[in-house]
Amino acid sequence: MILIQELVTCWSKTARSAKKATARNATPKTFVVPQSLTQMSAKYAVCLQAVRFCEENSFEAREAKPKIEALTTGGLHQSDCLTLRLADTNKIEISFVWTVDCGAPPRKRRVLGAIDLGQWACFTFNGRDGMASLTRHGEWAYHQTVLNVAFVEKAPSDLFTASRPVFAKKDLADLW
């Protein structure tokens, strides 16, 4: 299965104060895999585990129900700012594909790397959201998103927390 763990930390300008910045910067970069996904074994299923850490909840974890999809016929999967391509039966190519949903500023599309069966990788990026997603106070909204991507036959609950990725890349823009 391909497991995408999406960890999103979101905040407004008011969270730049020392106390809130400390809480914001303490959000985890990996999370345990929920039990419902540890019991799966479909090789070409794409599973999304989304966890949000937002200012309005004091940066406490809010986990959404996992989503499970089939890999498309061409071996492609588009998930927010990632494209996953089945390069061969035991390798997934991971690309970053910027869209407005990724937040400003725009970034260049690029291949991040590939993972073999049994491996995982990490990509971290940030963004600023404008008019369509202004906070209730009329401020800019900001986010840092960590995408952990694994290609495994089965996912133990500590998949991301007990091991290191084969590669970790970042694209952190200066957000004003």
N, C-alpha and C. Protein backbone atom coordinates (compact mmCIF):
# COMPACT_ATOMS: atom_id res chain seq x y z
N MET A 1 0.84 -1.17 0.00
CA MET A 1 0.00 0.00 0.00
C MET A 1 0.89 1.24 0.00
N ILE A 2 0.34 2.30 -0.52
CA ILE A 2 1.01 3.59 -0.45
C ILE A 2 0.30 4.36 0.66
N LEU A 3 1.05 4.77 1.65
CA LEU A 3 0.49 5.49 2.79
C LEU A 3 1.03 6.91 2.79
N ILE A 4 0.13 7.88 2.74
CA ILE A 4 0.50 9.28 2.80
C ILE A 4 0.03 9.81 4.15
N GLN A 5 0.98 10.25 4.93
CA GLN A 5 0.65 10.86 6.23
C GLN A 5 0.85 12.36 6.06
N GLU A 6 -0.25 13.10 6.13
CA GLU A 6 -0.24 14.55 5.92
C GLU A 6 -0.41 15.24 7.27
N LEU A 7 0.65 15.89 7.74
CA LEU A 7 0.62 16.59 9.02
C LEU A 7 0.67 18.09 8.73
N VAL A 8 -0.42 18.79 9.01
CA VAL A 8 -0.53 20.21 8.67
C VAL A 8 -0.62 21.04 9.95
N THR A 9 0.29 21.98 10.09
CA THR A 9 0.24 22.94 11.19
C THR A 9 -0.22 24.26 10.59
N CYS A 10 -1.30 24.85 11.12
CA CYS A 10 -1.83 26.09 10.54
C CYS A 10 -1.98 27.16 11.62
N TRP A 11 -1.72 28.40 11.20
CA TRP A 11 -1.74 29.51 12.15
C TRP A 11 -1.99 30.84 11.44
N SER A 12 -2.24 31.87 12.24
CA SER A 12 -2.39 33.24 11.72
C SER A 12 -1.19 34.05 12.21
N LYS A 13 -1.14 35.31 11.82
CA LYS A 13 -0.02 36.16 12.23
C LYS A 13 0.10 36.26 13.74
N THR A 14 -1.01 36.17 14.43
CA THR A 14 -0.95 36.30 15.90
C THR A 14 -0.17 35.17 16.55
N ALA A 15 0.00 34.06 15.86
CA ALA A 15 0.74 32.92 16.42
C ALA A 15 2.25 33.08 16.24
N ARG A 16 2.69 34.26 15.84
CA ARG A 16 4.13 34.50 15.73
C ARG A 16 4.72 34.94 17.07
N SER A 17 3.87 35.21 18.05
CA SER A 17 4.38 35.58 19.37
C SER A 17 5.19 34.42 19.94
N ALA A 18 6.08 34.71 20.88
CA ALA A 18 6.99 33.69 21.40
C ALA A 18 6.25 32.47 21.94
N LYS A 19 5.21 32.68 22.74
CA LYS A 19 4.49 31.56 23.35
C LYS A 19 3.81 30.69 22.30
N LYS A 20 3.11 31.32 21.37
CA LYS A 20 2.42 30.54 20.33
C LYS A 20 3.40 29.93 19.33
N ALA A 21 4.48 30.64 19.03
CA ALA A 21 5.48 30.10 18.11
C ALA A 21 6.13 28.85 18.69
N THR A 22 6.34 28.85 20.00
CA THR A 22 6.91 27.67 20.66
C THR A 22 5.97 26.48 20.52
N ALA A 23 4.69 26.70 20.75
CA ALA A 23 3.69 25.62 20.60
C ALA A 23 3.60 25.18 19.14
N ARG A 24 3.59 26.13 18.24
CA ARG A 24 3.50 25.82 16.81
C ARG A 24 4.69 25.00 16.35
N ASN A 25 5.88 25.38 16.78
CA ASN A 25 7.09 24.69 16.34
C ASN A 25 7.28 23.33 17.01
N ALA A 26 6.49 23.04 18.02
CA ALA A 26 6.60 21.75 18.73
C ALA A 26 5.70 20.67 18.15
N THR A 27 4.93 20.99 17.10
CA THR A 27 4.06 19.95 16.52
C THR A 27 4.92 18.85 15.90
N PRO A 28 4.47 17.60 15.97
CA PRO A 28 5.29 16.49 15.49
C PRO A 28 5.44 16.46 13.98
N LYS A 29 6.54 15.88 13.53
CA LYS A 29 6.83 15.71 12.10
C LYS A 29 6.50 14.29 11.64
N THR A 30 6.19 13.42 12.59
CA THR A 30 5.71 12.06 12.31
C THR A 30 4.62 11.76 13.32
N PHE A 31 3.78 10.79 12.99
CA PHE A 31 2.64 10.45 13.84
C PHE A 31 2.42 8.95 13.74
N VAL A 32 1.79 8.36 14.73
CA VAL A 32 1.50 6.92 14.66
C VAL A 32 0.45 6.67 13.57
N VAL A 33 0.54 5.51 12.97
CA VAL A 33 -0.42 5.09 11.94
C VAL A 33 -1.65 4.52 12.66
N PRO A 34 -2.86 4.96 12.29
CA PRO A 34 -4.06 4.44 12.98
C PRO A 34 -4.26 2.95 12.75
N GLN A 35 -4.89 2.31 13.72
CA GLN A 35 -5.09 0.86 13.67
C GLN A 35 -5.82 0.42 12.40
N SER A 36 -6.78 1.21 11.93
CA SER A 36 -7.53 0.82 10.72
C SER A 36 -6.61 0.66 9.51
N LEU A 37 -5.49 1.39 9.48
CA LEU A 37 -4.56 1.27 8.35
C LEU A 37 -3.49 0.21 8.60
N THR A 38 -3.22 -0.14 9.86
CA THR A 38 -2.22 -1.17 10.12
C THR A 38 -2.74 -2.55 9.74
N GLN A 39 -4.04 -2.69 9.58
CA GLN A 39 -4.63 -3.98 9.26
C GLN A 39 -4.81 -4.18 7.76
N MET A 40 -4.48 -3.18 6.96
CA MET A 40 -4.63 -3.29 5.51
C MET A 40 -3.41 -3.96 4.88
N SER A 41 -3.63 -4.61 3.72
CA SER A 41 -2.50 -5.21 3.02
C SER A 41 -2.64 -5.13 1.50
N ALA A 42 -3.49 -4.25 0.99
CA ALA A 42 -3.66 -4.11 -0.46
C ALA A 42 -2.47 -3.35 -1.04
N LYS A 43 -1.71 -3.99 -1.92
CA LYS A 43 -0.46 -3.39 -2.41
C LYS A 43 -0.69 -2.09 -3.15
N TYR A 44 -1.74 -1.97 -3.94
CA TYR A 44 -1.92 -0.77 -4.75
C TYR A 44 -3.03 0.14 -4.25
N ALA A 45 -3.30 0.09 -2.96
CA ALA A 45 -4.23 1.05 -2.36
C ALA A 45 -3.44 2.28 -1.94
N VAL A 46 -4.07 3.44 -2.03
CA VAL A 46 -3.46 4.68 -1.57
C VAL A 46 -4.27 5.12 -0.35
N CYS A 47 -3.59 5.22 0.79
CA CYS A 47 -4.25 5.57 2.05
C CYS A 47 -3.75 6.93 2.52
N LEU A 48 -4.66 7.79 2.90
CA LEU A 48 -4.30 9.13 3.39
C LEU A 48 -4.68 9.25 4.85
N GLN A 49 -3.70 9.57 5.67
CA GLN A 49 -3.91 9.87 7.08
C GLN A 49 -3.63 11.36 7.26
N ALA A 50 -4.67 12.14 7.56
CA ALA A 50 -4.51 13.59 7.70
C ALA A 50 -4.66 13.99 9.17
N VAL A 51 -3.68 14.74 9.65
CA VAL A 51 -3.71 15.25 11.02
C VAL A 51 -3.42 16.74 10.96
N ARG A 52 -4.27 17.54 11.62
CA ARG A 52 -4.11 18.99 11.64
C ARG A 52 -3.79 19.47 13.06
N PHE A 53 -2.88 20.43 13.12
CA PHE A 53 -2.50 21.08 14.37
C PHE A 53 -2.72 22.58 14.15
N CYS A 54 -3.85 23.11 14.60
CA CYS A 54 -4.20 24.50 14.27
C CYS A 54 -4.23 25.38 15.51
N GLU A 55 -3.96 26.64 15.27
CA GLU A 55 -3.92 27.64 16.32
C GLU A 55 -5.21 27.68 17.13
N GLU A 56 -6.36 27.61 16.46
CA GLU A 56 -7.63 27.71 17.18
C GLU A 56 -7.87 26.56 18.15
N ASN A 57 -7.10 25.46 18.01
CA ASN A 57 -7.20 24.32 18.93
C ASN A 57 -5.93 24.19 19.77
N SER A 58 -5.21 25.30 19.95
CA SER A 58 -3.96 25.31 20.73
C SER A 58 -2.94 24.30 20.20
N PHE A 59 -2.98 24.07 18.89
CA PHE A 59 -2.05 23.18 18.19
C PHE A 59 -2.15 21.73 18.67
N GLU A 60 -3.32 21.35 19.18
CA GLU A 60 -3.58 19.96 19.56
C GLU A 60 -3.95 19.18 18.29
N ALA A 61 -3.59 17.93 18.24
CA ALA A 61 -3.84 17.10 17.06
C ALA A 61 -5.33 16.87 16.85
N ARG A 62 -5.77 17.04 15.60
CA ARG A 62 -7.13 16.72 15.16
C ARG A 62 -6.98 15.81 13.95
N GLU A 63 -7.34 14.55 14.15
CA GLU A 63 -7.14 13.56 13.10
C GLU A 63 -8.44 13.28 12.36
N ALA A 64 -8.38 13.34 11.04
CA ALA A 64 -9.53 13.02 10.21
C ALA A 64 -9.59 11.50 9.99
N LYS A 65 -10.75 11.01 9.61
CA LYS A 65 -10.90 9.59 9.29
C LYS A 65 -10.03 9.29 8.06
N PRO A 66 -9.22 8.22 8.12
CA PRO A 66 -8.37 7.90 6.96
C PRO A 66 -9.18 7.67 5.70
N LYS A 67 -8.62 8.07 4.56
CA LYS A 67 -9.25 7.85 3.25
C LYS A 67 -8.46 6.79 2.51
N ILE A 68 -9.17 5.93 1.80
CA ILE A 68 -8.53 4.86 1.05
C ILE A 68 -9.04 4.91 -0.38
N GLU A 69 -8.09 4.94 -1.33
CA GLU A 69 -8.42 5.00 -2.76
C GLU A 69 -7.60 3.95 -3.49
N ALA A 70 -8.02 3.62 -4.69
CA ALA A 70 -7.25 2.71 -5.53
C ALA A 70 -6.28 3.53 -6.38
N LEU A 71 -5.12 2.97 -6.65
CA LEU A 71 -4.18 3.60 -7.57
C LEU A 71 -4.80 3.57 -8.95
N THR A 72 -4.68 4.65 -9.72
CA THR A 72 -5.30 4.71 -11.04
C THR A 72 -4.69 3.68 -11.98
N THR A 73 -5.38 3.43 -13.07
CA THR A 73 -4.94 2.44 -14.05
C THR A 73 -3.52 2.70 -14.54
N GLY A 74 -3.15 3.94 -14.74
CA GLY A 74 -1.81 4.27 -15.21
C GLY A 74 -0.76 4.28 -14.12
N GLY A 75 -1.15 3.90 -12.91
CA GLY A 75 -0.20 3.88 -11.81
C GLY A 75 0.11 5.26 -11.27
N LEU A 76 -0.82 6.21 -11.44
CA LEU A 76 -0.63 7.58 -10.96
C LEU A 76 -1.58 7.89 -9.82
N HIS A 77 -1.14 8.78 -8.94
CA HIS A 77 -2.01 9.29 -7.89
C HIS A 77 -1.63 10.73 -7.62
N GLN A 78 -2.62 11.62 -7.64
CA GLN A 78 -2.42 13.03 -7.32
C GLN A 78 -3.03 13.28 -5.95
N SER A 79 -2.24 13.78 -5.03
CA SER A 79 -2.71 14.08 -3.68
C SER A 79 -2.21 15.46 -3.30
N ASP A 80 -3.12 16.43 -3.30
CA ASP A 80 -2.75 17.81 -3.01
C ASP A 80 -1.54 18.22 -3.84
N CYS A 81 -0.39 18.35 -3.23
CA CYS A 81 0.78 18.87 -3.94
C CYS A 81 1.76 17.78 -4.35
N LEU A 82 1.35 16.53 -4.25
CA LEU A 82 2.21 15.41 -4.64
C LEU A 82 1.61 14.64 -5.79
N THR A 83 2.48 14.16 -6.65
CA THR A 83 2.09 13.16 -7.64
C THR A 83 2.93 11.93 -7.36
N LEU A 84 2.26 10.80 -7.25
CA LEU A 84 2.94 9.54 -7.03
C LEU A 84 2.77 8.70 -8.28
N ARG A 85 3.87 8.11 -8.75
CA ARG A 85 3.82 7.31 -9.97
C ARG A 85 4.48 5.97 -9.69
N LEU A 86 3.78 4.91 -10.02
CA LEU A 86 4.34 3.58 -9.88
C LEU A 86 5.39 3.42 -10.98
N ALA A 87 6.67 3.48 -10.60
CA ALA A 87 7.77 3.42 -11.57
C ALA A 87 7.99 2.00 -12.07
N ASP A 88 7.87 1.03 -11.21
CA ASP A 88 7.80 -0.39 -11.55
C ASP A 88 7.05 -1.05 -10.41
N THR A 89 6.98 -2.35 -10.39
CA THR A 89 6.14 -3.01 -9.38
C THR A 89 6.61 -2.77 -7.95
N ASN A 90 7.85 -2.38 -7.76
CA ASN A 90 8.38 -2.20 -6.41
C ASN A 90 8.99 -0.83 -6.17
N LYS A 91 8.57 0.19 -6.92
CA LYS A 91 9.15 1.53 -6.76
C LYS A 91 8.10 2.60 -7.05
N ILE A 92 8.07 3.62 -6.18
CA ILE A 92 7.16 4.76 -6.34
C ILE A 92 8.00 6.02 -6.54
N GLU A 93 7.72 6.77 -7.60
CA GLU A 93 8.37 8.06 -7.84
C GLU A 93 7.49 9.15 -7.24
N ILE A 94 8.10 10.05 -6.48
CA ILE A 94 7.36 11.11 -5.78
C ILE A 94 7.76 12.46 -6.38
N SER A 95 6.75 13.23 -6.82
CA SER A 95 7.00 14.56 -7.39
C SER A 95 6.19 15.61 -6.64
N PHE A 96 6.76 16.79 -6.55
CA PHE A 96 6.05 17.95 -5.99
C PHE A 96 5.45 18.71 -7.15
N VAL A 97 4.14 18.95 -7.10
CA VAL A 97 3.44 19.67 -8.15
C VAL A 97 2.66 20.81 -7.50
N TRP A 98 3.19 22.02 -7.61
CA TRP A 98 2.56 23.16 -6.96
C TRP A 98 1.23 23.52 -7.64
N THR A 99 0.22 23.76 -6.80
CA THR A 99 -1.05 24.33 -7.23
C THR A 99 -1.40 25.41 -6.22
N VAL A 100 -2.42 26.20 -6.47
CA VAL A 100 -2.80 27.24 -5.51
C VAL A 100 -3.19 26.63 -4.16
N ASP A 101 -3.62 25.38 -4.14
CA ASP A 101 -3.95 24.71 -2.88
C ASP A 101 -2.74 24.51 -1.98
N CYS A 102 -1.54 24.58 -2.55
CA CYS A 102 -0.31 24.43 -1.77
C CYS A 102 0.04 25.72 -1.03
N GLY A 103 -0.59 26.82 -1.39
CA GLY A 103 -0.29 28.11 -0.76
C GLY A 103 0.81 28.85 -1.48
N ALA A 104 0.79 30.17 -1.33
CA ALA A 104 1.81 31.02 -1.95
C ALA A 104 3.11 30.89 -1.15
N PRO A 105 4.20 31.18 -1.80
CA PRO A 105 4.41 31.55 -3.19
C PRO A 105 4.47 30.32 -4.10
N PRO A 106 4.33 30.53 -5.41
CA PRO A 106 4.43 29.42 -6.37
C PRO A 106 5.80 28.74 -6.28
N ARG A 107 5.84 27.48 -6.59
CA ARG A 107 7.10 26.71 -6.59
C ARG A 107 7.19 25.95 -7.91
N LYS A 108 8.39 25.51 -8.23
CA LYS A 108 8.61 24.75 -9.46
C LYS A 108 8.28 23.28 -9.23
N ARG A 109 7.68 22.69 -10.26
CA ARG A 109 7.40 21.25 -10.25
C ARG A 109 8.72 20.51 -10.33
N ARG A 110 8.84 19.43 -9.54
CA ARG A 110 10.08 18.66 -9.60
C ARG A 110 9.89 17.27 -8.99
N VAL A 111 10.72 16.36 -9.46
CA VAL A 111 10.76 15.01 -8.89
C VAL A 111 11.56 15.10 -7.60
N LEU A 112 10.99 14.59 -6.52
CA LEU A 112 11.67 14.61 -5.22
C LEU A 112 12.57 13.39 -5.04
N GLY A 113 12.16 12.27 -5.60
CA GLY A 113 12.92 11.04 -5.48
C GLY A 113 12.01 9.84 -5.62
N ALA A 114 12.57 8.67 -5.35
CA ALA A 114 11.80 7.42 -5.46
C ALA A 114 12.04 6.59 -4.21
N ILE A 115 11.04 5.80 -3.87
CA ILE A 115 11.16 4.86 -2.75
C ILE A 115 10.82 3.46 -3.23
N ASP A 116 11.52 2.51 -2.67
CA ASP A 116 11.27 1.10 -2.98
C ASP A 116 10.26 0.54 -1.98
N LEU A 117 9.74 -0.62 -2.30
CA LEU A 117 8.84 -1.31 -1.38
C LEU A 117 9.55 -1.48 -0.04
N GLY A 118 8.87 -1.08 1.04
CA GLY A 118 9.45 -1.17 2.38
C GLY A 118 10.12 0.11 2.87
N GLN A 119 10.07 1.18 2.06
CA GLN A 119 10.72 2.44 2.43
C GLN A 119 9.70 3.57 2.57
N TRP A 120 10.17 4.69 3.16
CA TRP A 120 9.35 5.89 3.23
C TRP A 120 10.22 7.12 3.09
N ALA A 121 9.59 8.22 2.68
CA ALA A 121 10.28 9.49 2.47
C ALA A 121 9.44 10.61 3.07
N CYS A 122 10.07 11.77 3.25
CA CYS A 122 9.41 12.91 3.87
C CYS A 122 9.64 14.16 3.02
N PHE A 123 8.58 14.95 2.85
CA PHE A 123 8.69 16.24 2.17
C PHE A 123 7.94 17.27 3.00
N THR A 124 8.60 18.39 3.30
CA THR A 124 8.02 19.46 4.10
C THR A 124 7.99 20.74 3.27
N PHE A 125 6.84 21.40 3.25
CA PHE A 125 6.73 22.70 2.59
C PHE A 125 5.80 23.59 3.38
N ASN A 126 5.83 24.86 3.08
CA ASN A 126 4.94 25.79 3.78
C ASN A 126 4.23 26.68 2.76
N GLY A 127 3.29 27.46 3.23
CA GLY A 127 2.56 28.34 2.33
C GLY A 127 1.75 29.38 3.09
N ARG A 128 1.35 30.36 2.34
CA ARG A 128 0.50 31.44 2.85
C ARG A 128 -0.76 31.44 2.01
N ASP A 129 -1.90 31.50 2.68
CA ASP A 129 -3.17 31.47 1.97
C ASP A 129 -3.80 32.85 2.01
N GLY A 130 -4.39 33.21 0.90
CA GLY A 130 -4.91 34.56 0.74
C GLY A 130 -6.41 34.68 0.86
N MET A 131 -7.00 35.45 -0.03
CA MET A 131 -8.39 35.88 0.07
C MET A 131 -9.39 34.74 0.28
N ALA A 132 -9.21 33.62 -0.39
CA ALA A 132 -10.20 32.54 -0.28
C ALA A 132 -10.17 31.87 1.09
N SER A 133 -9.06 31.99 1.80
CA SER A 133 -8.98 31.29 3.08
C SER A 133 -8.49 32.19 4.20
N LEU A 134 -8.90 33.44 4.17
CA LEU A 134 -8.54 34.33 5.27
C LEU A 134 -9.16 33.83 6.56
N THR A 135 -8.47 34.03 7.65
CA THR A 135 -9.01 33.62 8.94
C THR A 135 -10.17 34.51 9.31
N ARG A 136 -10.85 34.15 10.37
CA ARG A 136 -12.03 34.92 10.79
C ARG A 136 -11.68 36.35 11.17
N HIS A 137 -10.41 36.63 11.43
CA HIS A 137 -9.99 37.98 11.80
C HIS A 137 -9.48 38.78 10.61
N GLY A 138 -9.59 38.25 9.41
CA GLY A 138 -9.14 38.95 8.21
C GLY A 138 -7.63 38.97 8.05
N GLU A 139 -6.94 38.01 8.66
CA GLU A 139 -5.49 37.93 8.56
C GLU A 139 -5.10 36.88 7.53
N TRP A 140 -3.84 36.91 7.13
CA TRP A 140 -3.31 35.83 6.32
C TRP A 140 -3.32 34.55 7.14
N ALA A 141 -3.48 33.44 6.47
CA ALA A 141 -3.37 32.13 7.11
C ALA A 141 -2.10 31.46 6.59
N TYR A 142 -1.39 30.79 7.46
CA TYR A 142 -0.12 30.15 7.12
C TYR A 142 -0.20 28.67 7.46
N HIS A 143 0.62 27.88 6.79
CA HIS A 143 0.69 26.46 7.11
C HIS A 143 2.07 25.92 6.84
N GLN A 144 2.41 24.89 7.58
CA GLN A 144 3.56 24.06 7.26
C GLN A 144 3.02 22.65 7.14
N THR A 145 3.32 22.01 6.03
CA THR A 145 2.80 20.67 5.76
C THR A 145 3.94 19.69 5.65
N VAL A 146 3.84 18.60 6.40
CA VAL A 146 4.80 17.50 6.32
C VAL A 146 4.07 16.34 5.66
N LEU A 147 4.64 15.84 4.58
CA LEU A 147 4.07 14.70 3.86
C LEU A 147 5.03 13.53 3.99
N ASN A 148 4.63 12.55 4.76
CA ASN A 148 5.39 11.31 4.89
C ASN A 148 4.74 10.29 3.96
N VAL A 149 5.53 9.72 3.07
CA VAL A 149 5.00 8.79 2.06
C VAL A 149 5.72 7.45 2.20
N ALA A 150 4.95 6.39 2.40
CA ALA A 150 5.53 5.04 2.54
C ALA A 150 4.95 4.12 1.46
N PHE A 151 5.76 3.16 1.04
CA PHE A 151 5.33 2.12 0.11
C PHE A 151 5.62 0.80 0.82
N VAL A 152 4.58 0.21 1.40
CA VAL A 152 4.76 -0.96 2.26
C VAL A 152 3.69 -2.01 1.98
N GLU A 153 3.99 -3.25 2.33
CA GLU A 153 2.98 -4.30 2.24
C GLU A 153 1.99 -4.16 3.38
N LYS A 154 2.49 -3.89 4.57
CA LYS A 154 1.67 -3.63 5.76
C LYS A 154 2.34 -2.50 6.52
N ALA A 155 1.54 -1.67 7.17
CA ALA A 155 2.07 -0.52 7.90
C ALA A 155 1.95 -0.73 9.41
N PRO A 156 3.07 -0.94 10.09
CA PRO A 156 2.99 -1.01 11.55
C PRO A 156 2.65 0.37 12.11
N SER A 157 2.10 0.42 13.30
CA SER A 157 1.68 1.71 13.87
C SER A 157 2.85 2.67 14.05
N ASP A 158 4.06 2.13 14.25
CA ASP A 158 5.23 2.99 14.45
C ASP A 158 6.07 3.17 13.18
N LEU A 159 5.47 2.94 12.03
CA LEU A 159 6.19 3.04 10.75
C LEU A 159 7.00 4.33 10.64
N PHE A 160 6.37 5.46 10.91
CA PHE A 160 7.03 6.75 10.75
C PHE A 160 7.77 7.20 12.01
N THR A 161 7.32 6.74 13.17
CA THR A 161 7.91 7.21 14.42
C THR A 161 9.14 6.43 14.86
N ALA A 162 9.31 5.20 14.39
CA ALA A 162 10.42 4.35 14.85
C ALA A 162 11.54 4.18 13.82
N SER A 163 11.41 4.81 12.67
CA SER A 163 12.45 4.66 11.65
C SER A 163 12.68 6.01 10.96
N ARG A 164 13.72 6.05 10.16
CA ARG A 164 14.06 7.28 9.45
C ARG A 164 13.69 7.14 7.97
N PRO A 165 13.34 8.26 7.33
CA PRO A 165 13.03 8.18 5.90
C PRO A 165 14.30 7.94 5.06
N VAL A 166 14.12 7.37 3.86
CA VAL A 166 15.27 7.20 2.97
C VAL A 166 15.72 8.54 2.42
N PHE A 167 14.81 9.49 2.33
CA PHE A 167 15.19 10.87 2.05
C PHE A 167 14.17 11.81 2.65
N ALA A 168 14.63 13.00 2.99
CA ALA A 168 13.77 14.06 3.54
C ALA A 168 14.15 15.35 2.83
N LYS A 169 13.18 15.99 2.21
CA LYS A 169 13.43 17.24 1.48
C LYS A 169 12.50 18.32 2.00
N LYS A 170 12.94 19.56 1.88
CA LYS A 170 12.16 20.70 2.35
C LYS A 170 12.10 21.77 1.28
N ASP A 171 11.00 22.47 1.25
CA ASP A 171 10.84 23.66 0.42
C ASP A 171 10.11 24.68 1.29
N LEU A 172 10.86 25.40 2.10
CA LEU A 172 10.30 26.36 3.04
C LEU A 172 10.56 27.77 2.53
N ALA A 173 9.47 28.45 2.18
CA ALA A 173 9.56 29.80 1.64
C ALA A 173 9.53 30.81 2.78
N ASP A 174 10.00 32.01 2.49
CA ASP A 174 9.91 33.12 3.43
C ASP A 174 8.47 33.64 3.36
N LEU A 175 7.71 33.43 4.42
CA LEU A 175 6.31 33.83 4.43
C LEU A 175 6.16 35.15 5.17
N TRP A 176 5.78 36.20 4.47
CA TRP A 176 5.63 37.51 5.09
C TRP A 176 4.21 37.78 5.45
